[in-house]
Protein backbone atom coordinates (compact mmCIF):
# COMPACT_ATOMS: atom_id res chain seq x y z
CA MET A 1 2.36 -8.18 -4.62
CA GLU A 2 0.14 -11.23 -4.72
CA GLN A 3 -2.33 -11.37 -7.68
CA TYR A 4 -4.07 -15.37 -6.34
CA ASP A 5 -5.98 -16.90 -3.45
CA PHE A 6 -3.39 -20.31 -3.93
CA LEU A 7 -0.61 -21.20 -6.26
CA ILE A 8 -1.26 -24.94 -6.92
CA VAL A 9 1.55 -26.87 -7.34
CA GLY A 10 1.08 -29.78 -9.16
CA SER A 11 -1.83 -30.45 -11.78
CA GLY A 12 -2.83 -34.20 -10.26
CA LEU A 13 -5.68 -35.25 -9.15
CA PHE A 14 -5.17 -34.01 -5.18
CA GLY A 15 -4.40 -30.45 -6.84
CA ALA A 16 -7.14 -30.36 -9.86
CA VAL A 17 -10.09 -31.33 -7.19
CA PHE A 18 -8.49 -28.79 -4.83
CA ALA A 19 -8.68 -26.07 -7.47
CA TYR A 20 -11.73 -26.90 -8.76
CA LYS A 21 -13.52 -26.31 -4.96
CA ALA A 22 -11.44 -23.02 -4.38
CA LYS A 23 -12.65 -21.86 -7.72
CA GLN A 24 -16.26 -22.59 -6.78
CA GLN A 25 -16.15 -20.58 -4.03
CA GLY A 26 -15.24 -17.29 -6.52
CA LYS A 27 -10.62 -18.12 -5.22
CA ARG A 28 -8.05 -16.85 -7.81
CA CYS A 29 -6.43 -20.15 -8.61
CA LEU A 30 -2.86 -20.81 -10.89
CA ILE A 31 -1.69 -23.93 -11.54
CA ILE A 32 1.93 -24.48 -12.04
CA GLU A 33 2.91 -28.43 -13.65
CA LYS A 34 6.80 -29.40 -13.94
CA ARG A 35 5.80 -31.53 -17.04
CA ASN A 36 4.22 -30.87 -20.38
CA HIS A 37 1.15 -31.81 -19.83
CA LYS A 38 -1.78 -32.25 -16.96
CA GLY A 39 -3.04 -34.83 -14.79
CA GLY A 40 0.33 -36.15 -13.00
CA ASN A 41 0.50 -40.01 -13.29
CA ILE A 42 -3.25 -40.38 -14.46
CA TYR A 43 -2.25 -39.02 -17.75
CA CYS A 44 -2.93 -40.80 -21.13
CA SER A 45 -1.15 -40.19 -24.21
CA ASN A 46 -3.55 -41.07 -27.58
CA VAL A 47 -1.89 -43.94 -29.31
CA GLU A 48 -2.82 -45.22 -32.07
CA GLY A 49 -6.14 -44.28 -31.55
CA ILE A 50 -5.86 -45.43 -27.75
CA ASN A 51 -5.92 -43.66 -24.48
CA VAL A 52 -2.20 -45.14 -23.18
CA HIS A 53 -1.75 -44.94 -19.87
CA ALA A 54 1.45 -43.58 -19.59
CA TYR A 55 2.61 -43.83 -16.12
CA GLY A 56 0.80 -47.21 -15.39
CA PRO A 57 -2.45 -48.45 -15.59
CA HIS A 58 -5.03 -46.79 -13.29
CA ILE A 59 -8.56 -48.34 -12.92
CA PHE A 60 -10.96 -46.23 -11.11
CA HIS A 61 -13.18 -48.22 -7.55
CA THR A 62 -14.55 -46.81 -4.62
CA ASN A 63 -17.22 -47.84 -1.95
CA ASP A 64 -17.86 -44.01 -1.51
CA ARG A 65 -21.13 -43.51 -3.61
CA GLU A 66 -20.85 -39.50 -3.61
CA ILE A 67 -17.02 -40.03 -5.12
CA TRP A 68 -18.61 -42.51 -7.75
CA GLU A 69 -21.04 -39.45 -8.60
CA PHE A 70 -18.59 -36.76 -8.50
CA VAL A 71 -16.38 -37.63 -11.21
CA ASN A 72 -19.02 -38.51 -13.09
CA SER A 73 -20.23 -35.36 -12.95
CA PHE A 74 -17.27 -34.28 -14.77
CA VAL A 75 -16.95 -38.02 -17.56
CA GLU A 76 -19.17 -40.54 -17.91
CA PHE A 77 -17.23 -43.92 -16.63
CA ASN A 78 -17.66 -47.57 -18.85
CA ARG A 79 -18.22 -50.89 -16.98
CA PHE A 80 -14.33 -52.31 -16.90
CA THR A 81 -13.87 -54.56 -14.45
CA TYR A 82 -10.65 -55.52 -13.13
CA MET A 83 -9.77 -59.37 -13.65
CA PRO A 84 -5.25 -59.33 -14.08
CA VAL A 85 -4.24 -62.89 -14.87
CA ALA A 86 -0.71 -64.08 -13.89
CA TYR A 87 1.68 -65.60 -15.91
CA TYR A 88 4.36 -67.97 -14.26
CA LYS A 89 6.64 -70.63 -16.37
CA GLY A 90 3.99 -70.88 -18.80
CA LYS A 91 1.09 -71.45 -17.12
CA MET A 92 -1.52 -69.12 -16.25
CA PHE A 93 -3.54 -68.06 -13.07
CA ASN A 94 -6.80 -66.44 -12.58
CA LEU A 95 -6.67 -63.37 -10.10
CA PRO A 96 -6.95 -62.01 -6.98
CA PHE A 97 -7.31 -65.72 -5.38
CA ASN A 98 -9.69 -67.63 -5.90
CA MET A 99 -11.67 -70.75 -6.87
CA ASN A 100 -10.34 -70.29 -10.46
CA THR A 101 -6.92 -70.05 -8.81
CA PHE A 102 -7.39 -73.12 -6.84
CA TYR A 103 -8.48 -74.70 -9.05
CA GLN A 104 -5.43 -74.44 -11.76
CA MET A 105 -3.35 -74.85 -9.07
CA TRP A 106 -4.58 -78.13 -7.85
CA GLN A 107 -7.39 -79.22 -9.61
CA ILE A 108 -9.82 -78.78 -7.14
CA THR A 109 -13.30 -77.95 -7.49
CA SER A 110 -14.59 -77.37 -4.55
CA PRO A 111 -14.22 -74.69 -2.17
CA VAL A 112 -14.12 -77.14 0.70
CA GLU A 113 -11.49 -79.00 -0.45
CA ALA A 114 -10.06 -76.07 -1.15
CA GLN A 115 -10.22 -74.33 2.49
CA ARG A 116 -8.85 -77.70 3.84
CA LYS A 117 -5.99 -77.99 1.58
CA ILE A 118 -4.70 -74.63 2.33
CA GLU A 119 -5.03 -75.57 5.99
CA GLU A 120 -3.59 -78.49 5.72
CA GLN A 121 -0.18 -76.50 3.55
CA VAL A 122 -0.79 -73.57 6.76
CA LYS A 123 -0.80 -76.01 9.92
CA ASN A 124 2.86 -77.35 8.76
CA LEU A 125 4.81 -74.21 8.59
CA ASN A 126 4.33 -73.45 12.60
CA ILE A 127 4.34 -69.93 12.42
CA LYS A 128 2.47 -67.87 15.38
CA ASN A 129 2.34 -64.59 14.65
CA ALA A 130 3.90 -63.17 10.69
CA GLN A 131 6.49 -61.24 12.04
CA ASN A 132 7.15 -60.13 7.40
CA LEU A 133 5.15 -60.65 4.32
CA GLU A 134 6.41 -63.76 3.52
CA GLU A 135 5.20 -65.19 6.59
CA GLN A 136 1.66 -63.23 6.11
CA ALA A 137 2.23 -64.68 2.87
CA LEU A 138 2.58 -68.11 3.82
CA MET A 139 0.02 -67.93 6.68
CA LEU A 140 -2.61 -66.15 3.86
CA VAL A 141 -2.67 -69.08 0.95
CA GLY A 142 0.15 -71.94 1.80
CA PRO A 143 3.41 -72.43 0.23
CA ASP A 144 2.66 -73.55 -3.49
CA ILE A 145 0.87 -69.56 -4.03
CA TYR A 146 2.89 -68.37 -2.67
CA HIS A 147 6.35 -69.18 -3.93
CA ALA A 148 4.28 -69.26 -7.66
CA LEU A 149 2.51 -66.30 -7.50
CA ILE A 150 3.64 -64.29 -5.11
CA LYS A 151 7.25 -64.21 -4.00
CA GLY A 152 8.69 -63.03 -7.10
CA TYR A 153 6.52 -60.82 -8.44
CA THR A 154 6.81 -59.08 -5.20
CA GLU A 155 10.73 -59.44 -4.83
CA LYS A 156 10.91 -58.17 -8.57
CA GLN A 157 8.35 -54.75 -7.12
CA TRP A 158 9.92 -54.00 -4.14
CA GLY A 159 13.30 -54.96 -4.91
CA ARG A 160 14.09 -56.03 -1.51
CA LYS A 161 13.61 -60.26 0.12
CA ALA A 162 9.81 -60.72 0.76
CA THR A 163 11.41 -61.89 4.32
CA ALA A 164 12.50 -57.67 4.38
CA LEU A 165 9.28 -56.52 3.66
CA PRO A 166 6.74 -55.66 6.14
CA ALA A 167 3.50 -57.72 6.47
CA SER A 168 0.93 -55.24 5.74
CA ILE A 169 2.03 -54.68 2.36
CA ILE A 170 0.52 -58.65 1.77
CA LYS A 171 -3.30 -57.90 3.31
CA ARG A 172 -4.75 -56.01 0.67
CA ILE A 173 -4.34 -58.80 -1.48
CA PRO A 174 -8.22 -60.88 -1.54
CA VAL A 175 -8.43 -64.52 -1.27
CA ARG A 176 -12.60 -65.63 -2.18
CA PHE A 177 -13.78 -68.88 -2.21
CA THR A 178 -15.70 -68.00 -4.63
CA PHE A 179 -15.27 -68.00 -9.10
CA ASP A 180 -15.06 -64.67 -8.64
CA ASN A 181 -12.38 -62.85 -11.21
CA ASN A 182 -12.34 -59.71 -9.79
CA TYR A 183 -9.99 -57.67 -8.31
CA PHE A 184 -12.13 -54.53 -6.01
CA ASN A 185 -14.76 -55.83 -3.66
CA ASP A 186 -15.74 -51.96 -4.41
CA ASN A 187 -19.23 -51.65 -5.52
CA TYR A 188 -17.91 -48.94 -8.20
CA GLN A 189 -15.31 -49.53 -10.79
CA GLY A 190 -14.93 -48.35 -14.33
CA ILE A 191 -12.55 -46.17 -16.68
CA PRO A 192 -13.97 -42.64 -17.96
CA ILE A 193 -14.88 -42.34 -21.07
CA GLY A 194 -12.60 -41.44 -23.40
CA GLY A 195 -9.28 -41.85 -20.55
CA TYR A 196 -8.38 -39.65 -17.58
CA ASN A 197 -7.78 -36.84 -19.09
CA LYS A 198 -10.95 -35.49 -19.92
CA LEU A 199 -11.22 -36.27 -15.96
CA ILE A 200 -8.70 -33.82 -15.09
CA ASP A 201 -10.09 -31.23 -18.06
CA GLY A 202 -13.52 -31.35 -16.46
CA LEU A 203 -11.88 -30.45 -12.55
CA LEU A 204 -9.40 -27.92 -14.43
CA GLU A 205 -12.15 -26.15 -16.91
CA GLY A 206 -11.28 -21.87 -16.52
CA ILE A 207 -9.05 -22.55 -14.60
CA GLU A 208 -4.95 -20.93 -14.89
CA VAL A 209 -1.94 -23.61 -16.04
CA LYS A 210 0.67 -23.16 -16.31
CA LEU A 211 2.96 -26.16 -17.95
CA ASN A 212 6.50 -26.59 -17.99
CA THR A 213 7.14 -25.07 -14.68
CA ASP A 214 9.22 -25.96 -12.05
CA TYR A 215 8.73 -24.37 -8.84
CA PHE A 216 11.58 -25.05 -7.43
CA GLU A 217 13.32 -22.46 -10.13
CA ASP A 218 12.33 -19.30 -8.59
CA PHE A 219 10.73 -20.87 -4.80
CA ASP A 220 10.78 -17.14 -4.00
CA TYR A 221 9.13 -15.27 -6.62
CA PHE A 222 6.07 -18.68 -6.91
CA ASN A 223 6.16 -18.09 -2.96
CA ARG A 224 4.52 -13.86 -3.31
CA LEU A 225 2.29 -14.88 -6.37
CA ALA A 226 -0.48 -15.86 -3.97
CA LYS A 227 -1.99 -15.66 -0.17
CA ASN A 228 -1.58 -19.49 -0.10
CA ILE A 229 0.07 -22.04 -1.84
CA ILE A 230 -0.97 -26.04 -2.29
CA TYR A 231 1.79 -27.77 -2.27
CA THR A 232 1.84 -31.63 -4.21
CA GLY A 233 5.00 -32.27 -4.61
CA PRO A 234 7.45 -34.92 -2.20
CA ILE A 235 7.76 -33.03 0.99
CA ASP A 236 11.85 -33.92 1.10
CA ARG A 237 12.18 -32.19 -1.39
CA PHE A 238 10.47 -28.91 -0.38
CA TYR A 239 12.70 -29.29 2.57
CA THR A 240 15.84 -29.48 0.54
CA TYR A 241 15.88 -33.14 1.80
CA ARG A 242 16.27 -32.49 5.69
CA PHE A 243 16.73 -35.35 7.08
CA GLY A 244 17.43 -37.22 3.77
CA ALA A 245 15.76 -38.61 0.54
CA LEU A 246 12.69 -40.95 1.59
CA ALA A 247 12.92 -44.20 -0.26
CA TYR A 248 10.78 -44.66 -3.26
CA ARG A 249 10.43 -47.66 -5.79
CA SER A 250 10.50 -46.32 -9.53
CA LEU A 251 9.03 -47.26 -13.07
CA ASN A 252 10.58 -47.39 -16.25
CA PHE A 253 8.23 -48.40 -19.62
CA GLN A 254 8.77 -49.98 -22.10
CA GLN A 255 5.68 -49.02 -25.17
CA GLU A 256 5.35 -51.42 -28.08
CA ILE A 257 3.24 -50.84 -30.70
CA LEU A 258 1.60 -54.55 -32.26
CA ASN A 259 0.56 -54.55 -35.92
CA MET A 260 -1.92 -56.87 -34.47
CA PRO A 261 -5.36 -56.35 -32.89
CA ASN A 262 -5.17 -58.22 -29.67
CA TYR A 263 -1.98 -59.00 -28.01
CA GLN A 264 -2.86 -61.52 -24.25
CA GLY A 265 -6.44 -60.64 -24.53
CA ASN A 266 -6.74 -58.72 -21.54
CA ALA A 267 -5.72 -55.64 -19.85
CA ALA A 268 -2.60 -56.40 -17.65
CA VAL A 269 -0.81 -59.99 -17.31
CA ASN A 270 1.10 -59.86 -14.46
CA TYR A 271 4.92 -62.23 -14.28
CA THR A 272 5.21 -63.62 -10.91
CA ASP A 273 8.28 -65.60 -12.05
CA SER A 274 11.33 -64.10 -10.78
CA GLU A 275 13.76 -64.84 -14.11
CA VAL A 276 11.66 -62.30 -15.77
CA PRO A 277 12.63 -58.78 -15.26
CA TYR A 278 9.76 -56.63 -15.45
CA THR A 279 5.88 -57.47 -13.17
CA ARG A 280 3.66 -57.20 -15.64
CA ILE A 281 2.08 -56.16 -19.35
CA ILE A 282 -0.33 -53.91 -19.59
CA GLU A 283 -2.15 -53.58 -22.98
CA HIS A 284 -4.16 -50.20 -22.59
CA LYS A 285 -7.39 -50.76 -25.47
CA HIS A 286 -8.99 -53.22 -23.22
CA PHE A 287 -9.52 -51.00 -20.29
CA GLU A 288 -12.04 -49.24 -22.51
CA PHE A 289 -13.01 -52.43 -24.72
CA GLY A 290 -10.65 -50.42 -27.76
CA ASN A 291 -11.37 -52.25 -31.84
CA GLN A 292 -8.42 -50.55 -32.84
CA PRO A 293 -6.70 -52.49 -35.83
CA ALA A 294 -3.33 -51.85 -34.02
CA THR A 295 -2.52 -52.57 -30.18
CA VAL A 296 0.17 -50.76 -27.81
CA ILE A 297 0.97 -52.89 -24.71
CA THR A 298 3.34 -51.22 -22.05
CA LYS A 299 6.00 -53.41 -19.44
CA GLU A 300 7.20 -52.31 -16.36
CA PHE A 301 10.02 -52.82 -15.05
CA PRO A 302 10.32 -51.60 -11.05
CA VAL A 303 13.72 -49.68 -10.31
CA GLU A 304 14.88 -47.92 -7.18
CA TRP A 305 13.91 -44.54 -7.08
CA GLN A 306 16.99 -42.17 -7.16
CA LYS A 307 16.56 -37.97 -7.66
CA GLY A 308 15.05 -37.38 -11.33
CA ALA A 309 13.42 -40.25 -11.29
CA GLU A 310 10.00 -40.00 -10.82
CA PRO A 311 8.41 -41.71 -7.19
CA PHE A 312 5.65 -44.29 -7.37
CA TYR A 313 5.70 -46.60 -4.13
CA PRO A 314 6.48 -45.28 -1.05
CA VAL A 315 8.42 -47.41 1.11
CA ASN A 316 7.08 -47.17 4.05
CA ASP A 317 9.06 -48.86 6.44
CA ALA A 318 10.22 -47.69 10.20
CA LYS A 319 13.44 -45.82 8.75
CA ASN A 320 11.51 -44.37 6.18
CA ASN A 321 7.91 -43.48 8.21
CA LYS A 322 10.26 -41.64 11.08
CA GLN A 323 12.29 -39.65 8.44
CA TYR A 324 8.08 -38.63 7.13
CA ARG A 325 7.41 -37.96 10.42
CA ASP A 326 9.95 -35.22 10.77
CA TYR A 327 8.99 -33.82 7.38
CA ALA A 328 5.28 -33.45 9.03
CA SER A 329 6.01 -31.81 11.63
CA LEU A 330 7.93 -29.01 10.08
CA ALA A 331 5.00 -29.29 7.64
CA LYS A 332 2.41 -28.72 10.10
CA ALA A 333 4.48 -25.55 11.52
CA GLU A 334 4.11 -23.95 8.20
CA GLU A 335 2.21 -20.90 7.94
CA LYS A 336 0.72 -20.49 4.27
CA ILE A 337 1.40 -23.85 3.22
CA ILE A 338 -0.62 -27.00 2.99
CA PHE A 339 0.67 -30.32 1.68
CA GLY A 340 -1.23 -32.79 0.37
CA GLY A 341 -1.49 -35.83 -2.44
CA ARG A 342 0.72 -39.08 -1.87
CA LEU A 343 4.27 -37.61 -2.25
CA ALA A 344 3.46 -34.65 0.07
CA GLU A 345 2.10 -36.88 2.67
CA TYR A 346 4.43 -40.52 2.19
CA LYS A 347 1.14 -42.25 1.38
CA TYR A 348 -0.09 -45.39 -1.09
CA TYR A 349 -3.46 -43.57 -1.99
CA ASP A 350 -6.27 -45.03 -4.48
CA MET A 351 -7.06 -42.20 -6.28
CA HIS A 352 -11.01 -41.90 -5.34
CA GLN A 353 -8.80 -42.02 -1.69
CA VAL A 354 -6.90 -38.89 -3.16
CA ILE A 355 -9.96 -37.18 -4.07
CA ALA A 356 -11.08 -37.66 -0.75
CA SER A 357 -8.21 -35.94 0.46
CA ALA A 358 -8.72 -33.58 -1.48
CA LEU A 359 -12.31 -32.51 -0.81
CA LYS A 360 -11.73 -33.10 2.57
CA LYS A 361 -8.86 -30.33 2.73
CA ALA A 362 -10.78 -27.62 0.42
CA ASP A 363 -13.62 -28.18 3.03
CA ILE A 364 -11.45 -27.41 5.82
CA VAL A 365 -9.15 -24.40 4.28
CA LEU A 366 -11.73 -23.15 2.20
CA ASN A 367 -13.91 -22.46 5.53
CA ASN A 368 -11.37 -21.22 7.64
CA LYS A 369 -10.89 -17.75 8.00
CA LYS A 370 -7.58 -18.14 8.44
CA PHE A 371 -7.75 -18.67 4.39
CA SER A 372 -10.15 -16.50 3.04
């Protein structure tokens, strides 16, 4: 017997936003979550009075004023600005690549000099059209910066040679000829005051949530509970890997509590040397300008995803994208199941993009008589 209008599989941002919009229209919703907490990968645990980003750092940033006002209607965001630094063989460099970086690399103080330096290095490469990430990066910043700050980090992150990765990955990285260390170009940026759990709690207020509940342990039972299913898990898992498992990169986290007020002086330090096994160290208190007597750091170790591990980054190469399209064609034929979110769409989403996608899908679904 159908007890709900919507069963929502997963309590991450997509599921939480959809449930919020459905509840606004008087729809009965049940969220089931296989983990022991709400919020998906933006969940924060409290350690030593510090909001620890349990699944890696999440910095909210967007140019969309409506999205920014939407999230701030649930929790006020602080003024945090993401300004990571890179550590390479005992030297520190500012990120993203800007005049501070060029000064640290070449002792150059003029934007004209920096542009000329990069142009000279790129000219000697004789690369016309970048065929892979390495060539794209070399064309962007030249060999000095590429070998020190890109190559080792990227190959650790993806577990593949830079020459085997698509050029599109590196196009996300800004290059500036100003002394600007702000990683993002977006107008709005910050962290929820008190952590991301406050955002999720606001979205899910008054909505029934069952934790430690795996959709696939009683697939038929859960499908009978509701008129429609919002599925936010891995699309290949939904179809029992019919076309094979999609590839992801995963992460292992090594967390430490340190009896000191400040370990590295920054929220994120990237380790770009290939000899260092982790890609970065996160010091969580700096996201909220904490002054606690102790500090919590997390080292991130990228690993190849295997079944049972948490999928983080889709490997959007030609082979995997084709597999995804095969799964997506099956999803389009479903009558009562709606797929959404980074795992169901096999797409790397920033948080504001997930929210925008969920709002758009909710608008379509909730105003479609088929789903009334």
